């Protein structure tokens, strides 16, 4: 059992095959769709209302955090900021003390 390798058949492999022919077909389809969207070499302009409808549609797809998740994540962020600011302050103070001792300088 330890020496056997698990093989994956092509039906089980869900990754698409990105061979040269597939890439060429995808590029040709993309070029064809771009030509359909343009008129006279210029891209078709859409209005502000179409843009705002798209924004609204995308916002409806967002999975917003619950209040409990938001509070927890905010606490974690504040704790992390406080931890790293104290750590950098201690490191900075240590280096300053070491330089003062080595070089015999004073800072006013």
PDB file of N, CA and C in Angstrom:
ATOM      1  N   UNK A   1       0.823  -1.183   0.000  1.00  0.00           N
ATOM      2  CA  UNK A   1       0.000   0.000   0.000  1.00  0.00           C
ATOM      3  C   UNK A   1       0.868   1.247   0.000  1.00  0.00           C
ATOM      4  N   UNK A   2       2.023   1.192   0.670  1.00  0.00           N
ATOM      5  CA  UNK A   2       2.866   2.377   0.771  1.00  0.00           C
ATOM      6  C   UNK A   2       3.543   2.690  -0.558  1.00  0.00           C
ATOM      7  N   UNK A   3       3.806   1.675  -1.399  1.00  0.00           N
ATOM      8  CA  UNK A   3       4.517   1.889  -2.648  1.00  0.00           C
ATOM      9  C   UNK A   3       3.613   2.229  -3.818  1.00  0.00           C
ATOM     10  N   UNK A   4       2.305   2.160  -3.645  1.00  0.00           N
ATOM     11  CA  UNK A   4       1.392   2.412  -4.756  1.00  0.00           C
ATOM     12  C   UNK A   4       1.164   3.907  -4.923  1.00  0.00           C
ATOM     13  N   UNK A   5       1.111   4.338  -6.186  1.00  0.00           N
ATOM     14  CA  UNK A   5       0.820   5.734  -6.482  1.00  0.00           C
ATOM     15  C   UNK A   5      -0.623   5.856  -6.911  1.00  0.00           C
ATOM     16  N   UNK A   6      -1.229   6.932  -6.528  1.00  0.00           N
ATOM     17  CA  UNK A   6      -2.607   7.188  -6.914  1.00  0.00           C
ATOM     18  C   UNK A   6      -2.600   7.902  -8.259  1.00  0.00           C
ATOM     19  N   UNK A   7      -3.311   7.346  -9.224  1.00  0.00           N
ATOM     20  CA  UNK A   7      -3.356   7.974 -10.533  1.00  0.00           C
ATOM     21  C   UNK A   7      -4.694   8.663 -10.714  1.00  0.00           C
ATOM     22  N   UNK A   8      -4.672   9.731 -11.445  1.00  0.00           N
ATOM     23  CA  UNK A   8      -5.879  10.506 -11.703  1.00  0.00           C
ATOM     24  C   UNK A   8      -6.183  10.407 -13.181  1.00  0.00           C
ATOM     25  N   UNK A   9      -7.384   9.935 -13.488  1.00  0.00           N
ATOM     26  CA  UNK A   9      -7.749   9.843 -14.896  1.00  0.00           C
ATOM     27  C   UNK A   9      -8.118  11.216 -15.413  1.00  0.00           C
ATOM     28  N   UNK A  10      -8.219  11.365 -16.731  1.00  0.00           N
ATOM     29  CA  UNK A  10      -8.545  12.659 -17.320  1.00  0.00           C
ATOM     30  C   UNK A  10      -9.942  13.109 -16.927  1.00  0.00           C
ATOM     31  N   UNK A  11     -10.854  12.178 -16.694  1.00  0.00           N
ATOM     32  CA  UNK A  11     -12.206  12.547 -16.292  1.00  0.00           C
ATOM     33  C   UNK A  11     -12.214  13.143 -14.895  1.00  0.00           C
ATOM     34  N   UNK A  12     -11.318  12.689 -14.019  1.00  0.00           N
ATOM     35  CA  UNK A  12     -11.270  13.186 -12.663  1.00  0.00           C
ATOM     36  C   UNK A  12     -10.517  14.508 -12.575  1.00  0.00           C
ATOM     37  N   UNK A  13      -9.665  14.787 -13.535  1.00  0.00           N
ATOM     38  CA  UNK A  13      -8.891  16.015 -13.531  1.00  0.00           C
ATOM     39  C   UNK A  13      -9.765  17.138 -14.058  1.00  0.00           C
ATOM     40  N   UNK A  14     -10.105  18.101 -13.207  1.00  0.00           N
ATOM     41  CA  UNK A  14     -11.015  19.177 -13.584  1.00  0.00           C
ATOM     42  C   UNK A  14     -10.308  20.378 -14.183  1.00  0.00           C
ATOM     43  N   UNK A  15      -8.994  20.355 -14.247  1.00  0.00           N
ATOM     44  CA  UNK A  15      -8.270  21.493 -14.806  1.00  0.00           C
ATOM     45  C   UNK A  15      -8.384  21.461 -16.326  1.00  0.00           C
ATOM     46  N   UNK A  16      -8.638  22.633 -16.940  1.00  0.00           N
ATOM     47  CA  UNK A  16      -8.724  22.652 -18.388  1.00  0.00           C
ATOM     48  C   UNK A  16      -7.352  22.479 -19.015  1.00  0.00           C
ATOM     49  N   UNK A  17      -7.322  21.839 -20.173  1.00  0.00           N
ATOM     50  CA  UNK A  17      -6.086  21.631 -20.903  1.00  0.00           C
ATOM     51  C   UNK A  17      -5.745  22.917 -21.627  1.00  0.00           C
ATOM     52  N   UNK A  18      -4.597  23.483 -21.320  1.00  0.00           N
ATOM     53  CA  UNK A  18      -4.182  24.745 -21.927  1.00  0.00           C
ATOM     54  C   UNK A  18      -3.094  24.477 -22.960  1.00  0.00           C
ATOM     55  N   UNK A  19      -3.381  23.607 -23.907  1.00  0.00           N
ATOM     56  CA  UNK A  19      -2.434  23.337 -24.977  1.00  0.00           C
ATOM     57  C   UNK A  19      -2.409  24.481 -25.963  1.00  0.00           C
ATOM     58  N   UNK A  20      -1.519  24.407 -26.942  1.00  0.00           N
ATOM     59  CA  UNK A  20      -1.374  25.466 -27.921  1.00  0.00           C
ATOM     60  C   UNK A  20      -2.632  25.689 -28.735  1.00  0.00           C
ATOM     61  N   UNK A  21      -3.318  24.601 -29.122  1.00  0.00           N
ATOM     62  CA  UNK A  21      -4.534  24.741 -29.926  1.00  0.00           C
ATOM     63  C   UNK A  21      -5.640  25.422 -29.127  1.00  0.00           C
ATOM     64  N   UNK A  22      -5.758  25.069 -27.855  1.00  0.00           N
ATOM     65  CA  UNK A  22      -6.782  25.693 -27.016  1.00  0.00           C
ATOM     66  C   UNK A  22      -6.514  27.185 -26.835  1.00  0.00           C
ATOM     67  N   UNK A  23      -5.250  27.546 -26.651  1.00  0.00           N
ATOM     68  CA  UNK A  23      -4.912  28.957 -26.480  1.00  0.00           C
ATOM     69  C   UNK A  23      -5.171  29.734 -27.762  1.00  0.00           C
ATOM     70  N   UNK A  24      -4.876  29.124 -28.907  1.00  0.00           N
ATOM     71  CA  UNK A  24      -5.117  29.800 -30.183  1.00  0.00           C
ATOM     72  C   UNK A  24      -6.610  30.019 -30.394  1.00  0.00           C
ATOM     73  N   UNK A  25      -7.425  29.015 -30.053  1.00  0.00           N
ATOM     74  CA  UNK A  25      -8.874  29.152 -30.191  1.00  0.00           C
ATOM     75  C   UNK A  25      -9.410  30.236 -29.259  1.00  0.00           C
ATOM     76  N   UNK A  26      -8.891  30.283 -28.033  1.00  0.00           N
ATOM     77  CA  UNK A  26      -9.338  31.290 -27.078  1.00  0.00           C
ATOM     78  C   UNK A  26      -8.954  32.691 -27.546  1.00  0.00           C
ATOM     79  N   UNK A  27      -7.762  32.841 -28.109  1.00  0.00           N
ATOM     80  CA  UNK A  27      -7.333  34.146 -28.608  1.00  0.00           C
ATOM     81  C   UNK A  27      -8.184  34.588 -29.788  1.00  0.00           C
ATOM     82  N   UNK A  28      -8.515  33.642 -30.687  1.00  0.00           N
ATOM     83  CA  UNK A  28      -9.344  33.976 -31.839  1.00  0.00           C
ATOM     84  C   UNK A  28     -10.746  34.376 -31.397  1.00  0.00           C
ATOM     85  N   UNK A  29     -11.290  33.676 -30.412  1.00  0.00           N
ATOM     86  CA  UNK A  29     -12.624  34.006 -29.909  1.00  0.00           C
ATOM     87  C   UNK A  29     -12.617  35.368 -29.233  1.00  0.00           C
ATOM     88  N   UNK A  30     -11.546  35.667 -28.505  1.00  0.00           N
ATOM     89  CA  UNK A  30     -11.443  36.956 -27.832  1.00  0.00           C
ATOM     90  C   UNK A  30     -11.354  38.084 -28.852  1.00  0.00           C
ATOM     91  N   UNK A  31     -10.584  37.880 -29.912  1.00  0.00           N
ATOM     92  CA  UNK A  31     -10.466  38.896 -30.958  1.00  0.00           C
ATOM     93  C   UNK A  31     -11.796  39.113 -31.650  1.00  0.00           C
ATOM     94  N   UNK A  32     -12.518  38.018 -31.915  1.00  0.00           N
ATOM     95  CA  UNK A  32     -13.816  38.127 -32.579  1.00  0.00           C
ATOM     96  C   UNK A  32     -14.807  38.872 -31.695  1.00  0.00           C
ATOM     97  N   UNK A  33     -14.800  38.595 -30.409  1.00  0.00           N
ATOM     98  CA  UNK A  33     -15.744  39.283 -29.522  1.00  0.00           C
ATOM     99  C   UNK A  33     -15.377  40.756 -29.376  1.00  0.00           C
ATOM    100  N   UNK A  34     -14.070  41.069 -29.408  1.00  0.00           N
ATOM    101  CA  UNK A  34     -13.661  42.468 -29.334  1.00  0.00           C
ATOM    102  C   UNK A  34     -14.093  43.225 -30.584  1.00  0.00           C
ATOM    103  N   UNK A  35     -14.050  42.586 -31.737  1.00  0.00           N
ATOM    104  CA  UNK A  35     -14.474  43.239 -32.971  1.00  0.00           C
ATOM    105  C   UNK A  35     -15.969  43.506 -32.954  1.00  0.00           C
ATOM    106  N   UNK A  36     -16.740  42.603 -32.331  1.00  0.00           N
ATOM    107  CA  UNK A  36     -18.185  42.799 -32.242  1.00  0.00           C
ATOM    108  C   UNK A  36     -18.517  43.990 -31.347  1.00  0.00           C
ATOM    109  N   UNK A  37     -17.701  44.221 -30.325  1.00  0.00           N
ATOM    110  CA  UNK A  37     -17.975  45.281 -29.375  1.00  0.00           C
ATOM    111  C   UNK A  37     -17.560  46.656 -29.902  1.00  0.00           C
ATOM    112  N   UNK A  38     -16.750  46.699 -30.942  1.00  0.00           N
ATOM    113  CA  UNK A  38     -16.264  47.980 -31.443  1.00  0.00           C
ATOM    114  C   UNK A  38     -17.030  48.384 -32.679  1.00  0.00           C
ATOM    115  N   UNK A  39     -17.100  49.679 -32.901  1.00  0.00           N
ATOM    116  CA  UNK A  39     -17.727  50.217 -34.097  1.00  0.00           C
ATOM    117  C   UNK A  39     -16.741  51.170 -34.730  1.00  0.00           C
ATOM    118  N   UNK A  40     -16.280  50.845 -35.925  1.00  0.00           N
ATOM    119  CA  UNK A  40     -15.350  51.720 -36.610  1.00  0.00           C
ATOM    120  C   UNK A  40     -14.019  51.855 -35.894  1.00  0.00           C
ATOM    121  N   UNK A  41     -13.570  50.820 -35.188  1.00  0.00           N
ATOM    122  CA  UNK A  41     -12.288  50.866 -34.503  1.00  0.00           C
ATOM    123  C   UNK A  41     -12.355  51.502 -33.123  1.00  0.00           C
ATOM    124  N   UNK A  42     -13.517  52.010 -32.713  1.00  0.00           N
ATOM    125  CA  UNK A  42     -13.648  52.620 -31.396  1.00  0.00           C
ATOM    126  C   UNK A  42     -14.518  51.735 -30.517  1.00  0.00           C
ATOM    127  N   UNK A  43     -14.197  51.699 -29.254  1.00  0.00           N
ATOM    128  CA  UNK A  43     -15.008  50.904 -28.331  1.00  0.00           C
ATOM    129  C   UNK A  43     -16.352  51.583 -28.126  1.00  0.00           C
ATOM    130  N   UNK A  44     -17.362  50.739 -27.974  1.00  0.00           N
ATOM    131  CA  UNK A  44     -18.712  51.250 -27.756  1.00  0.00           C
ATOM    132  C   UNK A  44     -18.793  51.832 -26.350  1.00  0.00           C
ATOM    133  N   UNK A  45     -19.295  53.039 -26.244  1.00  0.00           N
ATOM    134  CA  UNK A  45     -19.412  53.699 -24.941  1.00  0.00           C
ATOM    135  C   UNK A  45     -20.744  53.347 -24.309  1.00  0.00           C
ATOM    136  N   UNK A  46     -20.701  53.159 -23.029  1.00  0.00           N
ATOM    137  CA  UNK A  46     -21.929  52.902 -22.295  1.00  0.00           C
ATOM    138  C   UNK A  46     -22.158  54.062 -21.345  1.00  0.00           C
ATOM    139  N   UNK A  47     -23.382  54.257 -20.946  1.00  0.00           N
ATOM    140  CA  UNK A  47     -23.734  55.381 -20.087  1.00  0.00           C
ATOM    141  C   UNK A  47     -23.428  55.134 -18.636  1.00  0.00           C
ATOM    142  N   UNK A  48     -23.574  56.190 -17.866  1.00  0.00           N
ATOM    143  CA  UNK A  48     -23.309  56.132 -16.428  1.00  0.00           C
ATOM    144  C   UNK A  48     -24.320  55.237 -15.729  1.00  0.00           C
ATOM    145  N   UNK A  49     -25.554  55.209 -16.241  1.00  0.00           N
ATOM    146  CA  UNK A  49     -26.570  54.350 -15.614  1.00  0.00           C
ATOM    147  C   UNK A  49     -26.220  52.875 -15.790  1.00  0.00           C
ATOM    148  N   UNK A  50     -25.694  52.517 -16.953  1.00  0.00           N
ATOM    149  CA  UNK A  50     -25.279  51.125 -17.171  1.00  0.00           C
ATOM    150  C   UNK A  50     -24.146  50.768 -16.215  1.00  0.00           C
ATOM    151  N   UNK A  51     -23.221  51.690 -16.036  1.00  0.00           N
ATOM    152  CA  UNK A  51     -22.113  51.467 -15.115  1.00  0.00           C
ATOM    153  C   UNK A  51     -22.636  51.284 -13.685  1.00  0.00           C
ATOM    154  N   UNK A  52     -23.531  52.159 -13.266  1.00  0.00           N
ATOM    155  CA  UNK A  52     -24.063  52.072 -11.897  1.00  0.00           C
ATOM    156  C   UNK A  52     -24.874  50.801 -11.690  1.00  0.00           C
ATOM    157  N   UNK A  53     -25.599  50.356 -12.723  1.00  0.00           N
ATOM    158  CA  UNK A  53     -26.314  49.076 -12.613  1.00  0.00           C
ATOM    159  C   UNK A  53     -25.331  47.931 -12.413  1.00  0.00           C
ATOM    160  N   UNK A  54     -24.218  47.979 -13.137  1.00  0.00           N
ATOM    161  CA  UNK A  54     -23.186  46.957 -12.976  1.00  0.00           C
ATOM    162  C   UNK A  54     -22.583  46.967 -11.590  1.00  0.00           C
ATOM    163  N   UNK A  55     -22.350  48.166 -11.065  1.00  0.00           N
ATOM    164  CA  UNK A  55     -21.807  48.285  -9.707  1.00  0.00           C
ATOM    165  C   UNK A  55     -22.782  47.699  -8.702  1.00  0.00           C
ATOM    166  N   UNK A  56     -24.055  48.035  -8.870  1.00  0.00           N
ATOM    167  CA  UNK A  56     -25.081  47.515  -7.947  1.00  0.00           C
ATOM    168  C   UNK A  56     -25.151  45.990  -8.024  1.00  0.00           C
ATOM    169  N   UNK A  57     -25.055  45.462  -9.239  1.00  0.00           N
ATOM    170  CA  UNK A  57     -25.108  44.016  -9.433  1.00  0.00           C
ATOM    171  C   UNK A  57     -23.911  43.341  -8.756  1.00  0.00           C
ATOM    172  N   UNK A  58     -22.717  43.941  -8.880  1.00  0.00           N
ATOM    173  CA  UNK A  58     -21.534  43.362  -8.244  1.00  0.00           C
ATOM    174  C   UNK A  58     -21.620  43.445  -6.721  1.00  0.00           C
ATOM    175  N   UNK A  59     -22.173  44.545  -6.191  1.00  0.00           N
ATOM    176  CA  UNK A  59     -22.337  44.661  -4.739  1.00  0.00           C
ATOM    177  C   UNK A  59     -23.287  43.602  -4.201  1.00  0.00           C
ATOM    178  N   UNK A  60     -24.253  43.195  -5.006  1.00  0.00           N
ATOM    179  CA  UNK A  60     -25.178  42.162  -4.538  1.00  0.00           C
ATOM    180  C   UNK A  60     -24.497  40.803  -4.433  1.00  0.00           C
ATOM    181  N   UNK A  61     -23.372  40.618  -5.112  1.00  0.00           N
ATOM    182  CA  UNK A  61     -22.637  39.353  -5.066  1.00  0.00           C
ATOM    183  C   UNK A  61     -21.677  39.273  -3.881  1.00  0.00           C
ATOM    184  N   UNK A  62     -21.420  40.414  -3.240  1.00  0.00           N
ATOM    185  CA  UNK A  62     -20.465  40.456  -2.135  1.00  0.00           C
ATOM    186  C   UNK A  62     -21.060  39.763  -0.916  1.00  0.00           C
ATOM    187  N   UNK A  63     -20.246  38.943  -0.269  1.00  0.00           N
ATOM    188  CA  UNK A  63     -20.658  38.300   0.982  1.00  0.00           C
ATOM    189  C   UNK A  63     -20.144  39.183   2.105  1.00  0.00           C
ATOM    190  N   UNK A  64     -21.047  39.940   2.722  1.00  0.00           N
ATOM    191  CA  UNK A  64     -20.672  40.874   3.759  1.00  0.00           C
ATOM    192  C   UNK A  64     -20.496  40.147   5.084  1.00  0.00           C
ATOM    193  N   UNK A  65     -19.535  40.584   5.915  1.00  0.00           N
ATOM    194  CA  UNK A  65     -19.330  39.914   7.201  1.00  0.00           C
ATOM    195  C   UNK A  65     -20.465  40.252   8.166  1.00  0.00           C
ATOM    196  N   UNK A  66     -20.681  39.338   9.094  1.00  0.00           N
ATOM    197  CA  UNK A  66     -21.662  39.601  10.135  1.00  0.00           C
ATOM    198  C   UNK A  66     -21.066  40.595  11.131  1.00  0.00           C
ATOM    199  N   UNK A  67     -21.906  41.142  11.972  1.00  0.00           N
ATOM    200  CA  UNK A  67     -21.419  42.111  12.963  1.00  0.00           C
ATOM    201  C   UNK A  67     -20.391  41.467  13.882  1.00  0.00           C
ATOM    202  N   UNK A  68     -20.631  40.222  14.256  1.00  0.00           N
ATOM    203  CA  UNK A  68     -19.709  39.509  15.143  1.00  0.00           C
ATOM    204  C   UNK A  68     -18.345  39.311  14.468  1.00  0.00           C
ATOM    205  N   UNK A  69     -18.341  38.926  13.200  1.00  0.00           N
ATOM    206  CA  UNK A  69     -17.085  38.760  12.464  1.00  0.00           C
ATOM    207  C   UNK A  69     -16.347  40.093  12.326  1.00  0.00           C
ATOM    208  N   UNK A  70     -17.096  41.148  12.077  1.00  0.00           N
ATOM    209  CA  UNK A  70     -16.493  42.471  11.912  1.00  0.00           C
ATOM    210  C   UNK A  70     -15.826  42.932  13.208  1.00  0.00           C
ATOM    211  N   UNK A  71     -16.506  42.746  14.333  1.00  0.00           N
ATOM    212  CA  UNK A  71     -15.944  43.141  15.625  1.00  0.00           C
ATOM    213  C   UNK A  71     -14.695  42.314  15.928  1.00  0.00           C
ATOM    214  N   UNK A  72     -14.762  41.015  15.698  1.00  0.00           N
ATOM    215  CA  UNK A  72     -13.625  40.135  15.964  1.00  0.00           C
ATOM    216  C   UNK A  72     -12.426  40.525  15.102  1.00  0.00           C
ATOM    217  N   UNK A  73     -12.655  40.730  13.815  1.00  0.00           N
ATOM    218  CA  UNK A  73     -11.563  41.092  12.915  1.00  0.00           C
ATOM    219  C   UNK A  73     -10.973  42.449  13.279  1.00  0.00           C
ATOM    220  N   UNK A  74     -11.815  43.393  13.690  1.00  0.00           N
ATOM    221  CA  UNK A  74     -11.327  44.716  14.082  1.00  0.00           C
ATOM    222  C   UNK A  74     -10.442  44.620  15.319  1.00  0.00           C
ATOM    223  N   UNK A  75     -10.841  43.806  16.284  1.00  0.00           N
ATOM    224  CA  UNK A  75     -10.042  43.615  17.496  1.00  0.00           C
ATOM    225  C   UNK A  75      -8.690  42.993  17.150  1.00  0.00           C
ATOM    226  N   UNK A  76      -8.696  42.018  16.250  1.00  0.00           N
ATOM    227  CA  UNK A  76      -7.448  41.369  15.833  1.00  0.00           C
ATOM    228  C   UNK A  76      -6.522  42.383  15.162  1.00  0.00           C
ATOM    229  N   UNK A  77      -7.083  43.242  14.308  1.00  0.00           N
ATOM    230  CA  UNK A  77      -6.264  44.254  13.629  1.00  0.00           C
ATOM    231  C   UNK A  77      -5.663  45.218  14.640  1.00  0.00           C
ATOM    232  N   UNK A  78      -6.461  45.723  15.574  1.00  0.00           N
ATOM    233  CA  UNK A  78      -5.935  46.648  16.579  1.00  0.00           C
ATOM    234  C   UNK A  78      -4.864  45.984  17.440  1.00  0.00           C
ATOM    235  N   UNK A  79      -5.087  44.748  17.853  1.00  0.00           N
ATOM    236  CA  UNK A  79      -4.097  44.043  18.677  1.00  0.00           C
ATOM    237  C   UNK A  79      -2.795  43.844  17.905  1.00  0.00           C
ATOM    238  N   UNK A  80      -2.894  43.515  16.632  1.00  0.00           N
ATOM    239  CA  UNK A  80      -1.697  43.323  15.810  1.00  0.00           C
ATOM    240  C   UNK A  80      -0.936  44.628  15.642  1.00  0.00           C
ATOM    241  N   UNK A  81      -1.651  45.722  15.394  1.00  0.00           N
ATOM    242  CA  UNK A  81      -1.004  47.029  15.245  1.00  0.00           C
ATOM    243  C   UNK A  81      -0.301  47.423  16.543  1.00  0.00           C
ATOM    244  N   UNK A  82      -0.954  47.231  17.672  1.00  0.00           N
ATOM    245  CA  UNK A  82      -0.347  47.577  18.963  1.00  0.00           C
ATOM    246  C   UNK A  82       0.887  46.713  19.221  1.00  0.00           C
ATOM    247  N   UNK A  83       0.794  45.420  18.950  1.00  0.00           N
ATOM    248  CA  UNK A  83       1.923  44.505  19.164  1.00  0.00           C
ATOM    249  C   UNK A  83       3.131  44.931  18.341  1.00  0.00           C
ATOM    250  N   UNK A  84       2.927  45.169  17.026  1.00  0.00           N
ATOM    251  CA  UNK A  84       4.063  45.509  16.173  1.00  0.00           C
ATOM    252  C   UNK A  84       4.610  46.902  16.479  1.00  0.00           C
ATOM    253  N   UNK A  85       3.742  47.837  16.838  1.00  0.00           N
ATOM    254  CA  UNK A  85       4.264  49.167  17.175  1.00  0.00           C
ATOM    255  C   UNK A  85       5.121  49.095  18.436  1.00  0.00           C
ATOM    256  N   UNK A  86       4.711  48.330  19.431  1.00  0.00           N
ATOM    257  CA  UNK A  86       5.530  48.159  20.637  1.00  0.00           C
ATOM    258  C   UNK A  86       6.832  47.423  20.319  1.00  0.00           C
ATOM    259  N   UNK A  87       6.757  46.414  19.466  1.00  0.00           N
ATOM    260  CA  UNK A  87       7.964  45.662  19.107  1.00  0.00           C
ATOM    261  C   UNK A  87       8.961  46.559  18.386  1.00  0.00           C
ATOM    262  N   UNK A  88       8.501  47.358  17.427  1.00  0.00           N
ATOM    263  CA  UNK A  88       9.403  48.257  16.713  1.00  0.00           C
ATOM    264  C   UNK A  88       9.950  49.344  17.637  1.00  0.00           C
ATOM    265  N   UNK A  89       9.140  49.823  18.570  1.00  0.00           N
ATOM    266  CA  UNK A  89       9.608  50.826  19.519  1.00  0.00           C
ATOM    267  C   UNK A  89      10.723  50.249  20.402  1.00  0.00           C
ATOM    268  N   UNK A  90      10.519  49.010  20.880  1.00  0.00           N
ATOM    269  CA  UNK A  90      11.544  48.373  21.703  1.00  0.00           C
ATOM    270  C   UNK A  90      12.830  48.139  20.917  1.00  0.00           C
ATOM    271  N   UNK A  91      12.711  47.693  19.683  1.00  0.00           N
ATOM    272  CA  UNK A  91      13.899  47.463  18.850  1.00  0.00           C
ATOM    273  C   UNK A  91      14.620  48.783  18.592  1.00  0.00           C
ATOM    274  N   UNK A  92      13.865  49.818  18.283  1.00  0.00           N
ATOM    275  CA  UNK A  92      14.458  51.135  18.022  1.00  0.00           C
ATOM    276  C   UNK A  92      15.158  51.667  19.266  1.00  0.00           C
ATOM    277  N   UNK A  93      14.522  51.524  20.418  1.00  0.00           N
ATOM    278  CA  UNK A  93      15.121  51.986  21.666  1.00  0.00           C
ATOM    279  C   UNK A  93      16.395  51.207  21.971  1.00  0.00           C
ATOM    280  N   UNK A  94      16.376  49.916  21.706  1.00  0.00           N
ATOM    281  CA  UNK A  94      17.572  49.084  21.931  1.00  0.00           C
ATOM    282  C   UNK A  94      18.719  49.486  21.023  1.00  0.00           C
ATOM    283  N   UNK A  95      18.432  49.699  19.728  1.00  0.00           N
ATOM    284  CA  UNK A  95      19.489  50.131  18.814  1.00  0.00           C
ATOM    285  C   UNK A  95      20.039  51.501  19.204  1.00  0.00           C
ATOM    286  N   UNK A  96      19.165  52.401  19.608  1.00  0.00           N
ATOM    287  CA  UNK A  96      19.610  53.734  20.025  1.00  0.00           C
ATOM    288  C   UNK A  96      20.523  53.640  21.249  1.00  0.00           C
ATOM    289  N   UNK A  97      20.150  52.819  22.214  1.00  0.00           N
ATOM    290  CA  UNK A  97      20.982  52.643  23.411  1.00  0.00           C
ATOM    291  C   UNK A  97      22.323  52.014  23.036  1.00  0.00           C
ATOM    292  N   UNK A  98      22.315  51.052  22.112  1.00  0.00           N
ATOM    293  CA  UNK A  98      23.561  50.405  21.685  1.00  0.00           C
ATOM    294  C   UNK A  98      24.465  51.404  20.974  1.00  0.00           C
ATOM    295  N   UNK A  99      23.907  52.219  20.095  1.00  0.00           N
ATOM    296  CA  UNK A  99      24.711  53.216  19.390  1.00  0.00           C
ATOM    297  C   UNK A  99      25.267  54.262  20.342  1.00  0.00           C
ATOM    298  N   UNK A 100      24.457  54.673  21.317  1.00  0.00           N
ATOM    299  CA  UNK A 100      24.945  55.635  22.308  1.00  0.00           C
ATOM    300  C   UNK A 100      26.127  55.045  23.081  1.00  0.00           C
ATOM    301  N   UNK A 101      26.015  53.768  23.429  1.00  0.00           N
ATOM    302  CA  UNK A 101      27.087  53.121  24.187  1.00  0.00           C
ATOM    303  C   UNK A 101      28.327  52.906  23.345  1.00  0.00           C
ATOM    304  N   UNK A 102      28.181  52.523  22.091  1.00  0.00           N
ATOM    305  CA  UNK A 102      29.329  52.240  21.230  1.00  0.00           C
ATOM    306  C   UNK A 102      30.026  53.524  20.803  1.00  0.00           C
ATOM    307  N   UNK A 103      29.224  54.492  20.345  1.00  0.00           N
ATOM    308  CA  UNK A 103      29.820  55.720  19.796  1.00  0.00           C
ATOM    309  C   UNK A 103      30.014  56.804  20.835  1.00  0.00           C
ATOM    310  N   UNK A 104      29.411  56.658  21.978  1.00  0.00           N
ATOM    311  CA  UNK A 104      29.555  57.656  23.045  1.00  0.00           C
ATOM    312  C   UNK A 104      28.920  58.992  22.664  1.00  0.00           C
ATOM    313  N   UNK A 105      27.780  58.938  21.990  1.00  0.00           N
ATOM    314  CA  UNK A 105      27.113  60.173  21.585  1.00  0.00           C
ATOM    315  C   UNK A 105      25.891  60.412  22.460  1.00  0.00           C
ATOM    316  N   UNK A 106      25.466  61.650  22.464  1.00  0.00           N
ATOM    317  CA  UNK A 106      24.220  61.997  23.163  1.00  0.00           C
ATOM    318  C   UNK A 106      23.305  62.681  22.175  1.00  0.00           C
ATOM    319  N   UNK A 107      22.044  62.415  22.284  1.00  0.00           N
ATOM    320  CA  UNK A 107      21.062  63.043  21.426  1.00  0.00           C
ATOM    321  C   UNK A 107      20.207  63.966  22.285  1.00  0.00           C
ATOM    322  N   UNK A 108      19.965  65.150  21.765  1.00  0.00           N
ATOM    323  CA  UNK A 108      19.178  66.090  22.557  1.00  0.00           C
ATOM    324  C   UNK A 108      17.747  66.130  22.094  1.00  0.00           C
TER     325      UNK A 108
END
